[in-house]
Amino acid sequence: MGDGRVESISAVTLVTADMARAASFYDALGFHLLYGGPTAPFSSFRVGSGFVNLQLVEGAGAQDGEWGRVILWVDDVDAMYHRVIDAGFSTLSVPVDAPWGERFFHLRDPDGHELSFARPIVAG
């Protein structure tokens, strides 16, 4: 029997006012669509062993205020950064090595949700 500690994130659900735009964004970043899509009211993308879900809500969006951040570990931060740039998206930062031992960068999705793509730095 466990002690109740949190081991991982199963899913994060983000609201969007424009499913086609949001689904296209996550598709361009290489997220694997499990179900839903541009015309659906709910879409789910596999992210490793978890999920990023999108729920269509009229007038939704996080552009007007802080709400937090989803941190996603990737196998290569710089490769993901180049994928984002090559897809024509702007980032909030370039990849940097943080003093807490992660390499990361941030961007916002089309509804203003902040995403951080990160990876622990391996001491060499």
N, C-alpha and C. Protein backbone atom coordinates (compact mmCIF):
# COMPACT_ATOMS: atom_id res chain seq x y z
N MET A 1 0.84 -1.18 0.00
CA MET A 1 0.00 0.00 0.00
C MET A 1 0.88 1.24 0.00
N GLY A 2 0.49 2.25 -0.79
CA GLY A 2 1.27 3.48 -0.92
C GLY A 2 1.00 4.46 0.20
N ASP A 3 1.71 5.58 0.14
CA ASP A 3 1.54 6.62 1.15
C ASP A 3 0.78 7.84 0.62
N GLY A 4 0.21 7.73 -0.58
CA GLY A 4 -0.61 8.80 -1.12
C GLY A 4 0.12 9.88 -1.86
N ARG A 5 1.42 9.70 -2.11
CA ARG A 5 2.16 10.77 -2.80
C ARG A 5 1.77 10.84 -4.27
N VAL A 6 1.80 12.04 -4.80
CA VAL A 6 1.51 12.26 -6.21
C VAL A 6 2.69 11.79 -7.03
N GLU A 7 2.44 10.95 -8.04
CA GLU A 7 3.51 10.39 -8.85
C GLU A 7 3.60 11.02 -10.24
N SER A 8 2.49 11.48 -10.78
CA SER A 8 2.52 12.06 -12.12
C SER A 8 1.22 12.77 -12.41
N ILE A 9 1.18 13.49 -13.50
CA ILE A 9 -0.06 14.11 -13.95
C ILE A 9 -0.70 13.16 -14.95
N SER A 10 -1.96 12.84 -14.74
CA SER A 10 -2.68 11.99 -15.68
C SER A 10 -3.14 12.81 -16.87
N ALA A 11 -3.76 13.96 -16.60
CA ALA A 11 -4.28 14.79 -17.69
C ALA A 11 -4.42 16.22 -17.22
N VAL A 12 -4.31 17.12 -18.16
CA VAL A 12 -4.61 18.52 -17.96
C VAL A 12 -5.66 18.86 -19.00
N THR A 13 -6.75 19.51 -18.58
CA THR A 13 -7.79 19.93 -19.52
C THR A 13 -7.77 21.45 -19.59
N LEU A 14 -7.62 21.96 -20.81
CA LEU A 14 -7.59 23.39 -21.07
C LEU A 14 -8.82 23.78 -21.86
N VAL A 15 -9.39 24.93 -21.57
CA VAL A 15 -10.53 25.40 -22.33
C VAL A 15 -10.05 26.20 -23.53
N THR A 16 -10.84 26.16 -24.60
CA THR A 16 -10.53 26.91 -25.80
C THR A 16 -11.82 27.47 -26.40
N ALA A 17 -11.72 28.64 -26.98
CA ALA A 17 -12.86 29.23 -27.68
C ALA A 17 -12.85 28.85 -29.16
N ASP A 18 -11.75 28.23 -29.63
CA ASP A 18 -11.61 27.89 -31.04
C ASP A 18 -10.90 26.54 -31.15
N MET A 19 -11.69 25.46 -31.20
CA MET A 19 -11.12 24.11 -31.22
C MET A 19 -10.25 23.89 -32.44
N ALA A 20 -10.65 24.37 -33.60
CA ALA A 20 -9.85 24.16 -34.81
C ALA A 20 -8.46 24.77 -34.65
N ARG A 21 -8.39 25.99 -34.15
CA ARG A 21 -7.11 26.67 -33.96
C ARG A 21 -6.27 25.95 -32.90
N ALA A 22 -6.89 25.59 -31.77
CA ALA A 22 -6.16 24.92 -30.69
C ALA A 22 -5.68 23.54 -31.11
N ALA A 23 -6.54 22.75 -31.76
CA ALA A 23 -6.15 21.41 -32.21
C ALA A 23 -5.00 21.49 -33.22
N SER A 24 -5.05 22.46 -34.10
CA SER A 24 -3.99 22.65 -35.09
C SER A 24 -2.67 23.00 -34.42
N PHE A 25 -2.72 23.83 -33.39
CA PHE A 25 -1.53 24.21 -32.64
C PHE A 25 -0.87 22.99 -32.00
N TYR A 26 -1.65 22.20 -31.27
CA TYR A 26 -1.08 21.03 -30.59
C TYR A 26 -0.62 19.97 -31.60
N ASP A 27 -1.32 19.83 -32.70
CA ASP A 27 -0.89 18.92 -33.75
C ASP A 27 0.46 19.36 -34.32
N ALA A 28 0.63 20.65 -34.56
CA ALA A 28 1.89 21.17 -35.11
C ALA A 28 3.06 20.95 -34.16
N LEU A 29 2.77 20.87 -32.85
CA LEU A 29 3.83 20.61 -31.87
C LEU A 29 4.13 19.12 -31.72
N GLY A 30 3.39 18.28 -32.45
CA GLY A 30 3.67 16.85 -32.43
C GLY A 30 2.88 16.06 -31.40
N PHE A 31 1.85 16.66 -30.79
CA PHE A 31 1.00 15.92 -29.86
C PHE A 31 0.15 14.95 -30.67
N HIS A 32 -0.07 13.75 -30.14
CA HIS A 32 -0.82 12.71 -30.85
C HIS A 32 -2.30 12.77 -30.47
N LEU A 33 -3.15 13.13 -31.44
CA LEU A 33 -4.59 13.21 -31.22
C LEU A 33 -5.17 11.81 -31.06
N LEU A 34 -5.84 11.58 -29.93
CA LEU A 34 -6.50 10.30 -29.69
C LEU A 34 -7.93 10.32 -30.18
N TYR A 35 -8.64 11.40 -29.87
CA TYR A 35 -10.01 11.56 -30.36
C TYR A 35 -10.40 13.03 -30.29
N GLY A 36 -11.45 13.35 -30.99
CA GLY A 36 -11.88 14.74 -31.11
C GLY A 36 -11.27 15.32 -32.37
N GLY A 37 -10.89 16.57 -32.32
CA GLY A 37 -10.27 17.24 -33.45
C GLY A 37 -10.89 18.59 -33.71
N PRO A 38 -10.61 19.18 -34.87
CA PRO A 38 -10.99 20.57 -35.17
C PRO A 38 -12.47 20.91 -35.01
N THR A 39 -13.36 19.96 -35.22
CA THR A 39 -14.80 20.27 -35.13
C THR A 39 -15.46 19.69 -33.89
N ALA A 40 -14.69 19.10 -33.00
CA ALA A 40 -15.25 18.44 -31.81
C ALA A 40 -15.36 19.40 -30.63
N PRO A 41 -16.28 19.13 -29.72
CA PRO A 41 -16.36 19.95 -28.51
C PRO A 41 -15.32 19.56 -27.45
N PHE A 42 -14.70 18.38 -27.62
CA PHE A 42 -13.69 17.90 -26.68
C PHE A 42 -12.67 17.09 -27.46
N SER A 43 -11.40 17.36 -27.23
CA SER A 43 -10.32 16.63 -27.89
C SER A 43 -9.31 16.17 -26.85
N SER A 44 -8.69 15.04 -27.10
CA SER A 44 -7.69 14.52 -26.18
C SER A 44 -6.44 14.13 -26.96
N PHE A 45 -5.29 14.58 -26.46
CA PHE A 45 -3.99 14.28 -27.04
C PHE A 45 -3.17 13.48 -26.05
N ARG A 46 -2.51 12.43 -26.53
CA ARG A 46 -1.62 11.66 -25.67
C ARG A 46 -0.31 12.41 -25.53
N VAL A 47 0.18 12.47 -24.28
CA VAL A 47 1.47 13.08 -23.97
C VAL A 47 2.19 12.09 -23.05
N GLY A 48 3.06 11.27 -23.61
CA GLY A 48 3.70 10.23 -22.81
C GLY A 48 2.65 9.30 -22.25
N SER A 49 2.62 9.16 -20.93
CA SER A 49 1.60 8.30 -20.31
C SER A 49 0.38 9.10 -19.86
N GLY A 50 0.36 10.40 -20.15
CA GLY A 50 -0.75 11.25 -19.75
C GLY A 50 -1.45 11.87 -20.96
N PHE A 51 -2.26 12.89 -20.68
CA PHE A 51 -3.10 13.49 -21.72
C PHE A 51 -3.18 14.99 -21.55
N VAL A 52 -3.27 15.70 -22.66
CA VAL A 52 -3.69 17.10 -22.68
C VAL A 52 -5.04 17.10 -23.39
N ASN A 53 -6.06 17.58 -22.70
CA ASN A 53 -7.41 17.65 -23.24
C ASN A 53 -7.76 19.09 -23.56
N LEU A 54 -8.57 19.28 -24.58
CA LEU A 54 -9.09 20.59 -24.94
C LEU A 54 -10.61 20.53 -24.88
N GLN A 55 -11.21 21.49 -24.20
CA GLN A 55 -12.66 21.55 -24.10
C GLN A 55 -13.14 22.86 -24.68
N LEU A 56 -14.06 22.78 -25.64
CA LEU A 56 -14.60 23.97 -26.29
C LEU A 56 -15.57 24.68 -25.35
N VAL A 57 -15.29 25.95 -25.05
CA VAL A 57 -16.15 26.77 -24.21
C VAL A 57 -16.21 28.15 -24.86
N GLU A 58 -17.38 28.57 -25.25
CA GLU A 58 -17.53 29.86 -25.92
C GLU A 58 -17.00 30.98 -25.04
N GLY A 59 -16.16 31.83 -25.64
CA GLY A 59 -15.59 32.97 -24.92
C GLY A 59 -14.42 32.61 -24.02
N ALA A 60 -13.95 31.37 -24.06
CA ALA A 60 -12.87 30.92 -23.18
C ALA A 60 -11.54 31.52 -23.61
N GLY A 61 -10.59 31.51 -22.70
CA GLY A 61 -9.24 31.96 -23.00
C GLY A 61 -8.57 32.49 -21.76
N ALA A 62 -7.27 32.38 -21.72
CA ALA A 62 -6.52 32.82 -20.54
C ALA A 62 -5.73 34.10 -20.81
N GLN A 63 -5.96 34.76 -21.95
CA GLN A 63 -5.16 35.92 -22.31
C GLN A 63 -5.24 37.05 -21.31
N ASP A 64 -6.33 37.18 -20.59
CA ASP A 64 -6.53 38.34 -19.74
C ASP A 64 -5.97 38.19 -18.33
N GLY A 65 -5.35 37.09 -18.00
CA GLY A 65 -4.85 36.97 -16.65
C GLY A 65 -3.97 35.75 -16.46
N GLU A 66 -3.27 35.75 -15.35
CA GLU A 66 -2.42 34.62 -15.01
C GLU A 66 -3.29 33.47 -14.56
N TRP A 67 -2.92 32.30 -14.94
CA TRP A 67 -3.68 31.13 -14.51
C TRP A 67 -2.74 30.03 -14.06
N GLY A 68 -1.48 30.06 -14.44
CA GLY A 68 -0.53 29.02 -14.11
C GLY A 68 0.20 28.54 -15.34
N ARG A 69 0.69 27.33 -15.29
CA ARG A 69 1.50 26.81 -16.38
C ARG A 69 1.43 25.29 -16.36
N VAL A 70 1.45 24.70 -17.54
CA VAL A 70 1.60 23.25 -17.67
C VAL A 70 3.06 23.01 -18.04
N ILE A 71 3.73 22.17 -17.28
CA ILE A 71 5.13 21.84 -17.55
C ILE A 71 5.16 20.44 -18.14
N LEU A 72 5.70 20.35 -19.34
CA LEU A 72 5.78 19.08 -20.06
C LEU A 72 7.23 18.71 -20.27
N TRP A 73 7.61 17.54 -19.81
CA TRP A 73 8.98 17.09 -20.06
C TRP A 73 9.07 16.53 -21.46
N VAL A 74 10.12 16.91 -22.17
CA VAL A 74 10.38 16.44 -23.53
C VAL A 74 11.76 15.80 -23.56
N ASP A 75 12.01 15.00 -24.59
CA ASP A 75 13.31 14.33 -24.64
C ASP A 75 14.42 15.25 -25.12
N ASP A 76 14.09 16.36 -25.78
CA ASP A 76 15.10 17.30 -26.27
C ASP A 76 14.46 18.69 -26.34
N VAL A 77 14.80 19.54 -25.39
CA VAL A 77 14.21 20.88 -25.30
C VAL A 77 14.51 21.70 -26.55
N ASP A 78 15.75 21.65 -27.02
CA ASP A 78 16.13 22.46 -28.17
C ASP A 78 15.44 21.99 -29.45
N ALA A 79 15.27 20.70 -29.60
CA ALA A 79 14.55 20.18 -30.77
C ALA A 79 13.09 20.64 -30.74
N MET A 80 12.46 20.62 -29.55
CA MET A 80 11.08 21.10 -29.45
C MET A 80 11.01 22.59 -29.74
N TYR A 81 11.98 23.36 -29.26
CA TYR A 81 12.02 24.79 -29.53
C TYR A 81 12.07 25.04 -31.05
N HIS A 82 12.93 24.31 -31.74
CA HIS A 82 13.03 24.48 -33.20
C HIS A 82 11.74 24.05 -33.89
N ARG A 83 11.10 23.04 -33.37
CA ARG A 83 9.81 22.60 -33.94
C ARG A 83 8.78 23.72 -33.81
N VAL A 84 8.74 24.36 -32.65
CA VAL A 84 7.81 25.47 -32.41
C VAL A 84 8.09 26.63 -33.37
N ILE A 85 9.36 27.01 -33.48
CA ILE A 85 9.75 28.11 -34.37
C ILE A 85 9.46 27.75 -35.82
N ASP A 86 9.81 26.54 -36.23
CA ASP A 86 9.57 26.10 -37.61
C ASP A 86 8.08 26.07 -37.95
N ALA A 87 7.23 25.86 -36.93
CA ALA A 87 5.78 25.85 -37.16
C ALA A 87 5.22 27.27 -37.22
N GLY A 88 6.07 28.28 -36.99
CA GLY A 88 5.65 29.67 -37.10
C GLY A 88 5.09 30.26 -35.82
N PHE A 89 5.32 29.62 -34.67
CA PHE A 89 4.82 30.12 -33.41
C PHE A 89 5.89 30.94 -32.69
N SER A 90 5.45 31.89 -31.87
CA SER A 90 6.36 32.70 -31.06
C SER A 90 6.46 32.09 -29.67
N THR A 91 7.62 32.25 -29.06
CA THR A 91 7.82 31.75 -27.70
C THR A 91 7.96 32.93 -26.74
N LEU A 92 7.79 32.65 -25.46
CA LEU A 92 8.00 33.66 -24.43
C LEU A 92 9.45 33.73 -24.01
N SER A 93 10.21 32.68 -24.33
CA SER A 93 11.62 32.64 -23.98
C SER A 93 12.32 31.65 -24.91
N VAL A 94 13.63 31.74 -24.92
CA VAL A 94 14.44 30.76 -25.63
C VAL A 94 14.85 29.70 -24.61
N PRO A 95 15.32 28.52 -25.06
CA PRO A 95 15.76 27.51 -24.10
C PRO A 95 16.91 28.03 -23.22
N VAL A 96 16.76 27.81 -21.93
CA VAL A 96 17.80 28.20 -20.96
C VAL A 96 17.97 27.09 -19.94
N ASP A 97 19.14 27.06 -19.33
CA ASP A 97 19.42 26.15 -18.23
C ASP A 97 19.10 26.87 -16.92
N ALA A 98 18.20 26.30 -16.15
CA ALA A 98 17.77 26.91 -14.90
C ALA A 98 18.65 26.44 -13.74
N PRO A 99 18.79 27.28 -12.72
CA PRO A 99 19.61 26.88 -11.57
C PRO A 99 19.05 25.68 -10.81
N TRP A 100 17.77 25.34 -11.02
CA TRP A 100 17.18 24.18 -10.33
C TRP A 100 17.38 22.88 -11.10
N GLY A 101 18.14 22.95 -12.22
CA GLY A 101 18.52 21.71 -12.89
C GLY A 101 17.66 21.28 -14.05
N GLU A 102 16.95 22.21 -14.67
CA GLU A 102 16.17 21.90 -15.87
C GLU A 102 16.56 22.85 -16.99
N ARG A 103 16.47 22.37 -18.21
CA ARG A 103 16.54 23.22 -19.40
C ARG A 103 15.10 23.39 -19.85
N PHE A 104 14.69 24.62 -20.19
CA PHE A 104 13.28 24.85 -20.51
C PHE A 104 13.11 26.07 -21.40
N PHE A 105 11.90 26.18 -21.97
CA PHE A 105 11.42 27.41 -22.59
C PHE A 105 9.91 27.44 -22.45
N HIS A 106 9.34 28.64 -22.61
CA HIS A 106 7.90 28.83 -22.46
C HIS A 106 7.28 29.36 -23.75
N LEU A 107 6.00 29.03 -23.96
CA LEU A 107 5.18 29.65 -24.98
C LEU A 107 3.74 29.62 -24.53
N ARG A 108 2.89 30.35 -25.24
CA ARG A 108 1.46 30.32 -24.95
C ARG A 108 0.75 29.66 -26.12
N ASP A 109 -0.29 28.88 -25.79
CA ASP A 109 -1.11 28.30 -26.85
C ASP A 109 -2.06 29.39 -27.37
N PRO A 110 -2.87 29.10 -28.39
CA PRO A 110 -3.72 30.14 -28.96
C PRO A 110 -4.72 30.76 -27.99
N ASP A 111 -5.02 30.08 -26.88
CA ASP A 111 -5.96 30.63 -25.90
C ASP A 111 -5.25 31.28 -24.72
N GLY A 112 -3.92 31.40 -24.79
CA GLY A 112 -3.17 32.07 -23.75
C GLY A 112 -2.66 31.20 -22.63
N HIS A 113 -2.90 29.89 -22.69
CA HIS A 113 -2.39 28.97 -21.67
C HIS A 113 -0.88 28.87 -21.81
N GLU A 114 -0.16 29.01 -20.71
CA GLU A 114 1.30 28.96 -20.77
C GLU A 114 1.78 27.51 -20.68
N LEU A 115 2.64 27.15 -21.62
CA LEU A 115 3.24 25.82 -21.66
C LEU A 115 4.74 25.97 -21.45
N SER A 116 5.30 25.11 -20.66
CA SER A 116 6.74 25.05 -20.46
C SER A 116 7.21 23.68 -20.92
N PHE A 117 8.17 23.67 -21.83
CA PHE A 117 8.77 22.42 -22.29
C PHE A 117 10.12 22.32 -21.60
N ALA A 118 10.35 21.23 -20.86
CA ALA A 118 11.51 21.12 -20.00
C ALA A 118 12.10 19.72 -20.01
N ARG A 119 13.32 19.64 -19.50
CA ARG A 119 14.01 18.36 -19.35
C ARG A 119 15.05 18.55 -18.25
N PRO A 120 15.19 17.59 -17.35
CA PRO A 120 16.26 17.68 -16.36
C PRO A 120 17.62 17.72 -17.06
N ILE A 121 18.51 18.53 -16.53
CA ILE A 121 19.88 18.61 -17.06
C ILE A 121 20.66 17.46 -16.45
N VAL A 122 21.31 16.70 -17.32
CA VAL A 122 22.13 15.58 -16.86
C VAL A 122 23.54 16.11 -16.61
N ALA A 123 24.01 15.93 -15.37
CA ALA A 123 25.35 16.36 -15.04
C ALA A 123 26.36 15.52 -15.80
N GLY A 124 27.29 16.18 -16.43
CA GLY A 124 28.23 15.48 -17.27
C GLY A 124 29.52 15.27 -16.63
